[in-house]
Amino acid sequence: MSDCIFCKIANGEIPTDLLYEDDEVVAFRDLNPVAPTHVLVVPKRHYVDIADGVPGSTVEAMIRAANLIVEREGIRVSGFRYVMNAGADAGQAVNHLHLHVLGGTRLRNDFGKRE
């Protein structure tokens, strides 16, 4: 997708400070963090969301990268959250599959709450 910002970041067209990169995914800090640790894990190949026929190997690569970020950020013991949104009603702002890694503070539990 030529106009997808996450595709451009994942392919090196937009420079960013990558925290992790392998053949399938990249990880970088969210520009609008909601927690002290807020990292995005993004596949290099474009998928709209988790329901877009994503191969298991890509999901595995995303979780592997997220687990590494959790260890590097020192939030394994205190706790962390992984979030994937699918669609506007779920809060997905960029239509490219991504996994949020959140931690470093006590996170609220307001799942299912309506705006």
PDB file of N, CA and C in Angstrom:
ATOM      1  N   MET A   1       0.850  -1.179   0.000  1.00  0.00           N
ATOM      2  CA  MET A   1       0.000   0.000   0.000  1.00  0.00           C
ATOM      3  C   MET A   1       0.896   1.242   0.000  1.00  0.00           C
ATOM      4  N   SER A   2       0.862   1.974  -1.068  1.00  0.00           N
ATOM      5  CA  SER A   2       1.784   3.088  -1.239  1.00  0.00           C
ATOM      6  C   SER A   2       1.522   4.258  -0.290  1.00  0.00           C
ATOM      7  N   ASP A   3       0.303   4.396   0.224  1.00  0.00           N
ATOM      8  CA  ASP A   3       0.005   5.521   1.106  1.00  0.00           C
ATOM      9  C   ASP A   3      -0.074   5.125   2.577  1.00  0.00           C
ATOM     10  N   CYS A   4       0.290   3.901   2.924  1.00  0.00           N
ATOM     11  CA  CYS A   4       0.194   3.419   4.300  1.00  0.00           C
ATOM     12  C   CYS A   4       1.441   3.822   5.092  1.00  0.00           C
ATOM     13  N   ILE A   5       1.237   4.589   6.150  1.00  0.00           N
ATOM     14  CA  ILE A   5       2.368   5.078   6.939  1.00  0.00           C
ATOM     15  C   ILE A   5       3.154   3.933   7.585  1.00  0.00           C
ATOM     16  N   PHE A   6       2.466   2.880   8.043  1.00  0.00           N
ATOM     17  CA  PHE A   6       3.180   1.766   8.665  1.00  0.00           C
ATOM     18  C   PHE A   6       3.966   0.968   7.636  1.00  0.00           C
ATOM     19  N   CYS A   7       3.459   0.856   6.408  1.00  0.00           N
ATOM     20  CA  CYS A   7       4.232   0.217   5.336  1.00  0.00           C
ATOM     21  C   CYS A   7       5.507   1.011   5.075  1.00  0.00           C
ATOM     22  N   LYS A   8       5.379   2.335   5.039  1.00  0.00           N
ATOM     23  CA  LYS A   8       6.540   3.187   4.790  1.00  0.00           C
ATOM     24  C   LYS A   8       7.561   3.074   5.917  1.00  0.00           C
ATOM     25  N   ILE A   9       7.120   3.014   7.156  1.00  0.00           N
ATOM     26  CA  ILE A   9       8.038   2.843   8.285  1.00  0.00           C
ATOM     27  C   ILE A   9       8.689   1.473   8.219  1.00  0.00           C
ATOM     28  N   ALA A  10       7.886   0.427   8.001  1.00  0.00           N
ATOM     29  CA  ALA A  10       8.394  -0.946   7.974  1.00  0.00           C
ATOM     30  C   ALA A  10       9.396  -1.169   6.843  1.00  0.00           C
ATOM     31  N   ASN A  11       9.222  -0.443   5.750  1.00  0.00           N
ATOM     32  CA  ASN A  11      10.113  -0.602   4.600  1.00  0.00           C
ATOM     33  C   ASN A  11      11.251   0.417   4.572  1.00  0.00           C
ATOM     34  N   GLY A  12      11.375   1.225   5.625  1.00  0.00           N
ATOM     35  CA  GLY A  12      12.480   2.169   5.730  1.00  0.00           C
ATOM     36  C   GLY A  12      12.307   3.447   4.952  1.00  0.00           C
ATOM     37  N   GLU A  13      11.117   3.692   4.406  1.00  0.00           N
ATOM     38  CA  GLU A  13      10.881   4.923   3.647  1.00  0.00           C
ATOM     39  C   GLU A  13      10.718   6.128   4.567  1.00  0.00           C
ATOM     40  N   ILE A  14      10.236   5.897   5.779  1.00  0.00           N
ATOM     41  CA  ILE A  14      10.137   6.937   6.805  1.00  0.00           C
ATOM     42  C   ILE A  14      11.059   6.511   7.932  1.00  0.00           C
ATOM     43  N   PRO A  15      12.080   7.308   8.205  1.00  0.00           N
ATOM     44  CA  PRO A  15      13.025   6.910   9.265  1.00  0.00           C
ATOM     45  C   PRO A  15      12.384   6.952  10.643  1.00  0.00           C
ATOM     46  N   THR A  16      12.721   5.972  11.440  1.00  0.00           N
ATOM     47  CA  THR A  16      12.279   5.919  12.832  1.00  0.00           C
ATOM     48  C   THR A  16      13.310   5.130  13.611  1.00  0.00           C
ATOM     49  N   ASP A  17      13.279   5.274  14.906  1.00  0.00           N
ATOM     50  CA  ASP A  17      14.201   4.547  15.775  1.00  0.00           C
ATOM     51  C   ASP A  17      13.602   3.169  16.050  1.00  0.00           C
ATOM     52  N   LEU A  18      14.030   2.180  15.287  1.00  0.00           N
ATOM     53  CA  LEU A  18      13.501   0.832  15.453  1.00  0.00           C
ATOM     54  C   LEU A  18      14.059   0.200  16.720  1.00  0.00           C
ATOM     55  N   LEU A  19      13.185  -0.385  17.508  1.00  0.00           N
ATOM     56  CA  LEU A  19      13.586  -1.120  18.702  1.00  0.00           C
ATOM     57  C   LEU A  19      13.867  -2.575  18.369  1.00  0.00           C
ATOM     58  N   TYR A  20      13.275  -3.048  17.261  1.00  0.00           N
ATOM     59  CA  TYR A  20      13.437  -4.436  16.849  1.00  0.00           C
ATOM     60  C   TYR A  20      13.117  -4.533  15.359  1.00  0.00           C
ATOM     61  N   GLU A  21      13.830  -5.432  14.676  1.00  0.00           N
ATOM     62  CA  GLU A  21      13.527  -5.720  13.281  1.00  0.00           C
ATOM     63  C   GLU A  21      13.995  -7.123  12.961  1.00  0.00           C
ATOM     64  N   ASP A  22      13.157  -7.855  12.218  1.00  0.00           N
ATOM     65  CA  ASP A  22      13.565  -9.128  11.639  1.00  0.00           C
ATOM     66  C   ASP A  22      12.987  -9.181  10.223  1.00  0.00           C
ATOM     67  N   ASP A  23      12.954 -10.345   9.613  1.00  0.00           N
ATOM     68  CA  ASP A  23      12.470 -10.450   8.233  1.00  0.00           C
ATOM     69  C   ASP A  23      10.980 -10.148   8.085  1.00  0.00           C
ATOM     70  N   GLU A  24      10.214 -10.303   9.175  1.00  0.00           N
ATOM     71  CA  GLU A  24       8.757 -10.159   9.072  1.00  0.00           C
ATOM     72  C   GLU A  24       8.171  -8.929   9.743  1.00  0.00           C
ATOM     73  N   VAL A  25       8.824  -8.427  10.806  1.00  0.00           N
ATOM     74  CA  VAL A  25       8.217  -7.351  11.596  1.00  0.00           C
ATOM     75  C   VAL A  25       9.243  -6.296  12.005  1.00  0.00           C
ATOM     76  N   VAL A  26       8.714  -5.133  12.374  1.00  0.00           N
ATOM     77  CA  VAL A  26       9.507  -4.077  13.010  1.00  0.00           C
ATOM     78  C   VAL A  26       8.767  -3.639  14.266  1.00  0.00           C
ATOM     79  N   ALA A  27       9.500  -3.035  15.200  1.00  0.00           N
ATOM     80  CA  ALA A  27       8.900  -2.491  16.421  1.00  0.00           C
ATOM     81  C   ALA A  27       9.486  -1.114  16.680  1.00  0.00           C
ATOM     82  N   PHE A  28       8.612  -0.187  17.073  1.00  0.00           N
ATOM     83  CA  PHE A  28       9.028   1.187  17.348  1.00  0.00           C
ATOM     84  C   PHE A  28       8.057   1.806  18.342  1.00  0.00           C
ATOM     85  N   ARG A  29       8.488   2.881  18.987  1.00  0.00           N
ATOM     86  CA  ARG A  29       7.652   3.553  19.982  1.00  0.00           C
ATOM     87  C   ARG A  29       6.496   4.295  19.312  1.00  0.00           C
ATOM     88  N   ASP A  30       5.336   4.243  19.969  1.00  0.00           N
ATOM     89  CA  ASP A  30       4.160   4.969  19.493  1.00  0.00           C
ATOM     90  C   ASP A  30       4.405   6.464  19.662  1.00  0.00           C
ATOM     91  N   LEU A  31       4.003   7.253  18.678  1.00  0.00           N
ATOM     92  CA  LEU A  31       4.178   8.709  18.758  1.00  0.00           C
ATOM     93  C   LEU A  31       3.248   9.362  19.770  1.00  0.00           C
ATOM     94  N   ASN A  32       2.150   8.686  20.106  1.00  0.00           N
ATOM     95  CA  ASN A  32       1.189   9.200  21.080  1.00  0.00           C
ATOM     96  C   ASN A  32       0.984   8.160  22.172  1.00  0.00           C
ATOM     97  N   PRO A  33       1.993   7.971  23.031  1.00  0.00           N
ATOM     98  CA  PRO A  33       1.917   6.888  24.015  1.00  0.00           C
ATOM     99  C   PRO A  33       0.825   7.099  25.055  1.00  0.00           C
ATOM    100  N   VAL A  34       0.210   5.986  25.461  1.00  0.00           N
ATOM    101  CA  VAL A  34      -0.796   6.009  26.526  1.00  0.00           C
ATOM    102  C   VAL A  34      -0.261   5.367  27.797  1.00  0.00           C
ATOM    103  N   ALA A  35       1.001   4.954  27.762  1.00  0.00           N
ATOM    104  CA  ALA A  35       1.676   4.358  28.916  1.00  0.00           C
ATOM    105  C   ALA A  35       3.170   4.627  28.758  1.00  0.00           C
ATOM    106  N   PRO A  36       3.943   4.545  29.853  1.00  0.00           N
ATOM    107  CA  PRO A  36       5.384   4.767  29.744  1.00  0.00           C
ATOM    108  C   PRO A  36       6.057   3.879  28.696  1.00  0.00           C
ATOM    109  N   THR A  37       5.649   2.619  28.618  1.00  0.00           N
ATOM    110  CA  THR A  37       6.068   1.762  27.508  1.00  0.00           C
ATOM    111  C   THR A  37       4.874   1.615  26.587  1.00  0.00           C
ATOM    112  N   HIS A  38       5.017   2.107  25.369  1.00  0.00           N
ATOM    113  CA  HIS A  38       3.982   1.956  24.339  1.00  0.00           C
ATOM    114  C   HIS A  38       4.705   1.763  23.018  1.00  0.00           C
ATOM    115  N   VAL A  39       4.848   0.505  22.656  1.00  0.00           N
ATOM    116  CA  VAL A  39       5.588   0.118  21.456  1.00  0.00           C
ATOM    117  C   VAL A  39       4.630  -0.541  20.487  1.00  0.00           C
ATOM    118  N   LEU A  40       4.806  -0.270  19.199  1.00  0.00           N
ATOM    119  CA  LEU A  40       4.011  -0.906  18.154  1.00  0.00           C
ATOM    120  C   LEU A  40       4.849  -1.962  17.458  1.00  0.00           C
ATOM    121  N   VAL A  41       4.288  -3.141  17.286  1.00  0.00           N
ATOM    122  CA  VAL A  41       4.914  -4.207  16.509  1.00  0.00           C
ATOM    123  C   VAL A  41       4.099  -4.328  15.225  1.00  0.00           C
ATOM    124  N   VAL A  42       4.782  -4.137  14.087  1.00  0.00           N
ATOM    125  CA  VAL A  42       4.114  -4.004  12.798  1.00  0.00           C
ATOM    126  C   VAL A  42       4.703  -4.992  11.794  1.00  0.00           C
ATOM    127  N   PRO A  43       3.858  -5.791  11.119  1.00  0.00           N
ATOM    128  CA  PRO A  43       4.399  -6.644  10.065  1.00  0.00           C
ATOM    129  C   PRO A  43       4.874  -5.816   8.874  1.00  0.00           C
ATOM    130  N   LYS A  44       5.898  -6.289   8.208  1.00  0.00           N
ATOM    131  CA  LYS A  44       6.407  -5.591   7.027  1.00  0.00           C
ATOM    132  C   LYS A  44       5.437  -5.709   5.854  1.00  0.00           C
ATOM    133  N   ARG A  45       4.725  -6.825   5.784  1.00  0.00           N
ATOM    134  CA  ARG A  45       3.725  -7.006   4.748  1.00  0.00           C
ATOM    135  C   ARG A  45       2.418  -6.371   5.216  1.00  0.00           C
ATOM    136  N   HIS A  46       1.686  -5.778   4.296  1.00  0.00           N
ATOM    137  CA  HIS A  46       0.459  -5.075   4.650  1.00  0.00           C
ATOM    138  C   HIS A  46      -0.705  -6.044   4.858  1.00  0.00           C
ATOM    139  N   TYR A  47      -1.310  -5.948   6.040  1.00  0.00           N
ATOM    140  CA  TYR A  47      -2.583  -6.578   6.367  1.00  0.00           C
ATOM    141  C   TYR A  47      -3.414  -5.497   7.036  1.00  0.00           C
ATOM    142  N   VAL A  48      -4.692  -5.454   6.753  1.00  0.00           N
ATOM    143  CA  VAL A  48      -5.549  -4.419   7.335  1.00  0.00           C
ATOM    144  C   VAL A  48      -5.687  -4.627   8.838  1.00  0.00           C
ATOM    145  N   ASP A  49      -5.994  -5.869   9.242  1.00  0.00           N
ATOM    146  CA  ASP A  49      -6.152  -6.190  10.652  1.00  0.00           C
ATOM    147  C   ASP A  49      -5.958  -7.690  10.844  1.00  0.00           C
ATOM    148  N   ILE A  50      -6.151  -8.184  12.049  1.00  0.00           N
ATOM    149  CA  ILE A  50      -5.880  -9.576  12.386  1.00  0.00           C
ATOM    150  C   ILE A  50      -6.802 -10.534  11.629  1.00  0.00           C
ATOM    151  N   ALA A  51      -7.935 -10.058  11.125  1.00  0.00           N
ATOM    152  CA  ALA A  51      -8.874 -10.909  10.395  1.00  0.00           C
ATOM    153  C   ALA A  51      -8.637 -10.894   8.890  1.00  0.00           C
ATOM    154  N   ASP A  52      -7.486 -10.377   8.462  1.00  0.00           N
ATOM    155  CA  ASP A  52      -7.184 -10.197   7.040  1.00  0.00           C
ATOM    156  C   ASP A  52      -6.317 -11.334   6.483  1.00  0.00           C
ATOM    157  N   GLY A  53      -6.565 -12.566   6.906  1.00  0.00           N
ATOM    158  CA  GLY A  53      -5.828 -13.710   6.378  1.00  0.00           C
ATOM    159  C   GLY A  53      -4.348 -13.709   6.732  1.00  0.00           C
ATOM    160  N   VAL A  54      -4.043 -13.264   7.918  1.00  0.00           N
ATOM    161  CA  VAL A  54      -2.653 -13.158   8.371  1.00  0.00           C
ATOM    162  C   VAL A  54      -2.090 -14.557   8.619  1.00  0.00           C
ATOM    163  N   PRO A  55      -0.944 -14.889   8.017  1.00  0.00           N
ATOM    164  CA  PRO A  55      -0.347 -16.199   8.263  1.00  0.00           C
ATOM    165  C   PRO A  55       0.077 -16.356   9.726  1.00  0.00           C
ATOM    166  N   GLY A  56      -0.014 -17.571  10.216  1.00  0.00           N
ATOM    167  CA  GLY A  56       0.390 -17.855  11.586  1.00  0.00           C
ATOM    168  C   GLY A  56       1.826 -17.472  11.854  1.00  0.00           C
ATOM    169  N   SER A  57       2.690 -17.598  10.849  1.00  0.00           N
ATOM    170  CA  SER A  57       4.100 -17.247  11.042  1.00  0.00           C
ATOM    171  C   SER A  57       4.273 -15.754  11.312  1.00  0.00           C
ATOM    172  N   THR A  58       3.409 -14.934  10.731  1.00  0.00           N
ATOM    173  CA  THR A  58       3.470 -13.487  10.969  1.00  0.00           C
ATOM    174  C   THR A  58       3.003 -13.167  12.385  1.00  0.00           C
ATOM    175  N   VAL A  59       1.910 -13.795  12.808  1.00  0.00           N
ATOM    176  CA  VAL A  59       1.421 -13.589  14.175  1.00  0.00           C
ATOM    177  C   VAL A  59       2.480 -14.062  15.167  1.00  0.00           C
ATOM    178  N   GLU A  60       3.087 -15.191  14.897  1.00  0.00           N
ATOM    179  CA  GLU A  60       4.153 -15.704  15.766  1.00  0.00           C
ATOM    180  C   GLU A  60       5.321 -14.723  15.832  1.00  0.00           C
ATOM    181  N   ALA A  61       5.711 -14.147  14.696  1.00  0.00           N
ATOM    182  CA  ALA A  61       6.799 -13.167  14.675  1.00  0.00           C
ATOM    183  C   ALA A  61       6.434 -11.931  15.483  1.00  0.00           C
ATOM    184  N   MET A  62       5.170 -11.513  15.420  1.00  0.00           N
ATOM    185  CA  MET A  62       4.721 -10.347  16.184  1.00  0.00           C
ATOM    186  C   MET A  62       4.803 -10.620  17.683  1.00  0.00           C
ATOM    187  N   ILE A  63       4.345 -11.788  18.108  1.00  0.00           N
ATOM    188  CA  ILE A  63       4.388 -12.132  19.531  1.00  0.00           C
ATOM    189  C   ILE A  63       5.829 -12.298  20.002  1.00  0.00           C
ATOM    190  N   ARG A  64       6.652 -12.923  19.192  1.00  0.00           N
ATOM    191  CA  ARG A  64       8.070 -13.087  19.546  1.00  0.00           C
ATOM    192  C   ARG A  64       8.732 -11.719  19.749  1.00  0.00           C
ATOM    193  N   ALA A  65       8.476 -10.791  18.843  1.00  0.00           N
ATOM    194  CA  ALA A  65       9.034  -9.441  18.958  1.00  0.00           C
ATOM    195  C   ALA A  65       8.486  -8.732  20.198  1.00  0.00           C
ATOM    196  N   ALA A  66       7.180  -8.865  20.437  1.00  0.00           N
ATOM    197  CA  ALA A  66       6.562  -8.224  21.600  1.00  0.00           C
ATOM    198  C   ALA A  66       7.147  -8.776  22.897  1.00  0.00           C
ATOM    199  N   ASN A  67       7.340 -10.085  22.959  1.00  0.00           N
ATOM    200  CA  ASN A  67       7.935 -10.689  24.157  1.00  0.00           C
ATOM    201  C   ASN A  67       9.345 -10.160  24.393  1.00  0.00           C
ATOM    202  N   LEU A  68      10.100  -9.969  23.341  1.00  0.00           N
ATOM    203  CA  LEU A  68      11.447  -9.424  23.466  1.00  0.00           C
ATOM    204  C   LEU A  68      11.402  -7.977  23.972  1.00  0.00           C
ATOM    205  N   ILE A  69      10.457  -7.193  23.458  1.00  0.00           N
ATOM    206  CA  ILE A  69      10.287  -5.800  23.904  1.00  0.00           C
ATOM    207  C   ILE A  69       9.946  -5.762  25.391  1.00  0.00           C
ATOM    208  N   VAL A  70       9.060  -6.645  25.832  1.00  0.00           N
ATOM    209  CA  VAL A  70       8.668  -6.712  27.244  1.00  0.00           C
ATOM    210  C   VAL A  70       9.903  -6.937  28.118  1.00  0.00           C
ATOM    211  N   GLU A  71      10.764  -7.847  27.715  1.00  0.00           N
ATOM    212  CA  GLU A  71      11.992  -8.119  28.478  1.00  0.00           C
ATOM    213  C   GLU A  71      12.926  -6.911  28.452  1.00  0.00           C
ATOM    214  N   ARG A  72      13.144  -6.347  27.281  1.00  0.00           N
ATOM    215  CA  ARG A  72      14.055  -5.198  27.150  1.00  0.00           C
ATOM    216  C   ARG A  72      13.570  -3.981  27.924  1.00  0.00           C
ATOM    217  N   GLU A  73      12.259  -3.783  27.968  1.00  0.00           N
ATOM    218  CA  GLU A  73      11.679  -2.623  28.661  1.00  0.00           C
ATOM    219  C   GLU A  73      11.561  -2.847  30.163  1.00  0.00           C
ATOM    220  N   GLY A  74      11.804  -4.071  30.619  1.00  0.00           N
ATOM    221  CA  GLY A  74      11.762  -4.358  32.045  1.00  0.00           C
ATOM    222  C   GLY A  74      10.368  -4.381  32.647  1.00  0.00           C
ATOM    223  N   ILE A  75       9.374  -4.767  31.846  1.00  0.00           N
ATOM    224  CA  ILE A  75       8.001  -4.764  32.348  1.00  0.00           C
ATOM    225  C   ILE A  75       7.433  -6.176  32.488  1.00  0.00           C
ATOM    226  N   ARG A  76       8.252  -7.172  32.323  1.00  0.00           N
ATOM    227  CA  ARG A  76       7.794  -8.572  32.404  1.00  0.00           C
ATOM    228  C   ARG A  76       7.201  -8.877  33.775  1.00  0.00           C
ATOM    229  N   VAL A  77       7.885  -8.484  34.840  1.00  0.00           N
ATOM    230  CA  VAL A  77       7.446  -8.819  36.196  1.00  0.00           C
ATOM    231  C   VAL A  77       6.280  -7.933  36.638  1.00  0.00           C
ATOM    232  N   SER A  78       6.345  -6.643  36.353  1.00  0.00           N
ATOM    233  CA  SER A  78       5.306  -5.718  36.824  1.00  0.00           C
ATOM    234  C   SER A  78       3.993  -5.886  36.057  1.00  0.00           C
ATOM    235  N   GLY A  79       4.079  -6.303  34.809  1.00  0.00           N
ATOM    236  CA  GLY A  79       2.881  -6.539  34.014  1.00  0.00           C
ATOM    237  C   GLY A  79       2.858  -5.726  32.743  1.00  0.00           C
ATOM    238  N   PHE A  80       2.145  -6.247  31.770  1.00  0.00           N
ATOM    239  CA  PHE A  80       2.070  -5.615  30.455  1.00  0.00           C
ATOM    240  C   PHE A  80       0.770  -6.039  29.786  1.00  0.00           C
ATOM    241  N   ARG A  81       0.448  -5.365  28.696  1.00  0.00           N
ATOM    242  CA  ARG A  81      -0.754  -5.686  27.926  1.00  0.00           C
ATOM    243  C   ARG A  81      -0.409  -5.666  26.445  1.00  0.00           C
ATOM    244  N   TYR A  82      -0.955  -6.637  25.710  1.00  0.00           N
ATOM    245  CA  TYR A  82      -0.883  -6.647  24.252  1.00  0.00           C
ATOM    246  C   TYR A  82      -2.285  -6.324  23.739  1.00  0.00           C
ATOM    247  N   VAL A  83      -2.367  -5.401  22.772  1.00  0.00           N
ATOM    248  CA  VAL A  83      -3.657  -5.009  22.216  1.00  0.00           C
ATOM    249  C   VAL A  83      -3.563  -4.983  20.700  1.00  0.00           C
ATOM    250  N   MET A  84      -4.564  -5.588  20.046  1.00  0.00           N
ATOM    251  CA  MET A  84      -4.757  -5.476  18.597  1.00  0.00           C
ATOM    252  C   MET A  84      -6.179  -4.998  18.378  1.00  0.00           C
ATOM    253  N   ASN A  85      -6.334  -3.907  17.691  1.00  0.00           N
ATOM    254  CA  ASN A  85      -7.649  -3.384  17.358  1.00  0.00           C
ATOM    255  C   ASN A  85      -7.972  -3.747  15.913  1.00  0.00           C
ATOM    256  N   ALA A  86      -9.240  -3.969  15.629  1.00  0.00           N
ATOM    257  CA  ALA A  86      -9.682  -4.277  14.267  1.00  0.00           C
ATOM    258  C   ALA A  86     -10.901  -3.424  13.945  1.00  0.00           C
ATOM    259  N   GLY A  87     -10.698  -2.414  13.141  1.00  0.00           N
ATOM    260  CA  GLY A  87     -11.791  -1.545  12.721  1.00  0.00           C
ATOM    261  C   GLY A  87     -11.939  -0.299  13.570  1.00  0.00           C
ATOM    262  N   ALA A  88     -12.623   0.670  13.005  1.00  0.00           N
ATOM    263  CA  ALA A  88     -12.790   1.980  13.644  1.00  0.00           C
ATOM    264  C   ALA A  88     -13.508   1.889  14.982  1.00  0.00           C
ATOM    265  N   ASP A  89     -14.549   1.053  15.082  1.00  0.00           N
ATOM    266  CA  ASP A  89     -15.284   0.949  16.346  1.00  0.00           C
ATOM    267  C   ASP A  89     -14.426   0.378  17.469  1.00  0.00           C
ATOM    268  N   ALA A  90     -13.382  -0.361  17.113  1.00  0.00           N
ATOM    269  CA  ALA A  90     -12.469  -0.914  18.117  1.00  0.00           C
ATOM    270  C   ALA A  90     -11.338   0.052  18.447  1.00  0.00           C
ATOM    271  N   GLY A  91     -11.229   1.135  17.691  1.00  0.00           N
ATOM    272  CA  GLY A  91     -10.189   2.125  17.947  1.00  0.00           C
ATOM    273  C   GLY A  91      -8.996   2.034  17.023  1.00  0.00           C
ATOM    274  N   GLN A  92      -9.090   1.243  15.946  1.00  0.00           N
ATOM    275  CA  GLN A  92      -7.963   1.147  15.010  1.00  0.00           C
ATOM    276  C   GLN A  92      -7.857   2.438  14.216  1.00  0.00           C
ATOM    277  N   ALA A  93      -6.745   3.152  14.390  1.00  0.00           N
ATOM    278  CA  ALA A  93      -6.553   4.446  13.733  1.00  0.00           C
ATOM    279  C   ALA A  93      -5.765   4.322  12.434  1.00  0.00           C
ATOM    280  N   VAL A  94      -4.894   3.307  12.335  1.00  0.00           N
ATOM    281  CA  VAL A  94      -4.114   3.065  11.118  1.00  0.00           C
ATOM    282  C   VAL A  94      -4.513   1.693  10.592  1.00  0.00           C
ATOM    283  N   ASN A  95      -4.969   1.650   9.345  1.00  0.00           N
ATOM    284  CA  ASN A  95      -5.450   0.398   8.771  1.00  0.00           C
ATOM    285  C   ASN A  95      -4.310  -0.475   8.257  1.00  0.00           C
ATOM    286  N   HIS A  96      -3.435  -0.820   9.173  1.00  0.00           N
ATOM    287  CA  HIS A  96      -2.336  -1.766   8.957  1.00  0.00           C
ATOM    288  C   HIS A  96      -2.211  -2.515  10.277  1.00  0.00           C
ATOM    289  N   LEU A  97      -2.272  -3.830  10.210  1.00  0.00           N
ATOM    290  CA  LEU A  97      -2.188  -4.642  11.413  1.00  0.00           C
ATOM    291  C   LEU A  97      -1.027  -4.189  12.288  1.00  0.00           C
ATOM    292  N   HIS A  98      -1.286  -4.019  13.574  1.00  0.00           N
ATOM    293  CA  HIS A  98      -0.232  -3.703  14.523  1.00  0.00           C
ATOM    294  C   HIS A  98      -0.634  -4.157  15.915  1.00  0.00           C
ATOM    295  N   LEU A  99       0.363  -4.457  16.699  1.00  0.00           N
ATOM    296  CA  LEU A  99       0.193  -4.915  18.074  1.00  0.00           C
ATOM    297  C   LEU A  99       0.768  -3.855  18.995  1.00  0.00           C
ATOM    298  N   HIS A 100      -0.045  -3.380  19.937  1.00  0.00           N
ATOM    299  CA  HIS A 100       0.427  -2.430  20.935  1.00  0.00           C
ATOM    300  C   HIS A 100       1.001  -3.216  22.117  1.00  0.00           C
ATOM    301  N   VAL A 101       2.187  -2.838  22.558  1.00  0.00           N
ATOM    302  CA  VAL A 101       2.784  -3.371  23.782  1.00  0.00           C
ATOM    303  C   VAL A 101       2.731  -2.237  24.798  1.00  0.00           C
ATOM    304  N   LEU A 102       1.961  -2.436  25.875  1.00  0.00           N
ATOM    305  CA  LEU A 102       1.743  -1.394  26.870  1.00  0.00           C
ATOM    306  C   LEU A 102       2.212  -1.853  28.241  1.00  0.00           C
ATOM    307  N   GLY A 103       2.841  -0.953  28.979  1.00  0.00           N
ATOM    308  CA  GLY A 103       3.255  -1.281  30.342  1.00  0.00           C
ATOM    309  C   GLY A 103       3.987  -0.125  30.989  1.00  0.00           C
ATOM    310  N   GLY A 104       4.555  -0.409  32.148  1.00  0.00           N
ATOM    311  CA  GLY A 104       5.302   0.603  32.874  1.00  0.00           C
ATOM    312  C   GLY A 104       4.454   1.407  33.838  1.00  0.00           C
ATOM    313  N   THR A 105       3.172   1.075  33.951  1.00  0.00           N
ATOM    314  CA  THR A 105       2.255   1.733  34.866  1.00  0.00           C
ATOM    315  C   THR A 105       1.060   0.812  35.074  1.00  0.00           C
ATOM    316  N   ARG A 106       0.259   1.097  36.082  1.00  0.00           N
ATOM    317  CA  ARG A 106      -0.972   0.322  36.266  1.00  0.00           C
ATOM    318  C   ARG A 106      -1.954   0.748  35.180  1.00  0.00           C
ATOM    319  N   LEU A 107      -2.408  -0.196  34.388  1.00  0.00           N
ATOM    320  CA  LEU A 107      -3.319   0.076  33.288  1.00  0.00           C
ATOM    321  C   LEU A 107      -4.764  -0.103  33.737  1.00  0.00           C
ATOM    322  N   ARG A 108      -5.632   0.750  33.251  1.00  0.00           N
ATOM    323  CA  ARG A 108      -7.056   0.667  33.595  1.00  0.00           C
ATOM    324  C   ARG A 108      -7.689  -0.549  32.944  1.00  0.00           C
ATOM    325  N   ASN A 109      -8.705  -1.076  33.578  1.00  0.00           N
ATOM    326  CA  ASN A 109      -9.480  -2.196  33.036  1.00  0.00           C
ATOM    327  C   ASN A 109     -10.880  -1.709  32.719  1.00  0.00           C
ATOM    328  N   ASP A 110     -11.022  -1.030  31.583  1.00  0.00           N
ATOM    329  CA  ASP A 110     -12.336  -0.535  31.187  1.00  0.00           C
ATOM    330  C   ASP A 110     -12.764  -1.119  29.844  1.00  0.00           C
ATOM    331  N   PHE A 111     -12.473  -2.387  29.655  1.00  0.00           N
ATOM    332  CA  PHE A 111     -12.818  -3.062  28.412  1.00  0.00           C
ATOM    333  C   PHE A 111     -14.328  -3.035  28.198  1.00  0.00           C
ATOM    334  N   GLY A 112     -14.699  -2.790  26.974  1.00  0.00           N
ATOM    335  CA  GLY A 112     -16.116  -2.809  26.622  1.00  0.00           C
ATOM    336  C   GLY A 112     -16.850  -1.529  26.972  1.00  0.00           C
ATOM    337  N   LYS A 113     -16.160  -0.589  27.581  1.00  0.00           N
ATOM    338  CA  LYS A 113     -16.796   0.678  27.951  1.00  0.00           C
ATOM    339  C   LYS A 113     -17.034   1.493  26.688  1.00  0.00           C
ATOM    340  N   ARG A 114     -18.199   2.084  26.590  1.00  0.00           N
ATOM    341  CA  ARG A 114     -18.526   2.898  25.420  1.00  0.00           C
ATOM    342  C   ARG A 114     -18.120   4.339  25.658  1.00  0.00           C
ATOM    343  N   GLU A 115     -17.784   5.019  24.547  1.00  0.00           N
ATOM    344  CA  GLU A 115     -17.439   6.446  24.642  1.00  0.00           C
ATOM    345  C   GLU A 115     -18.673   7.287  24.748  1.00  0.00           C
TER     346      GLU A 115
END
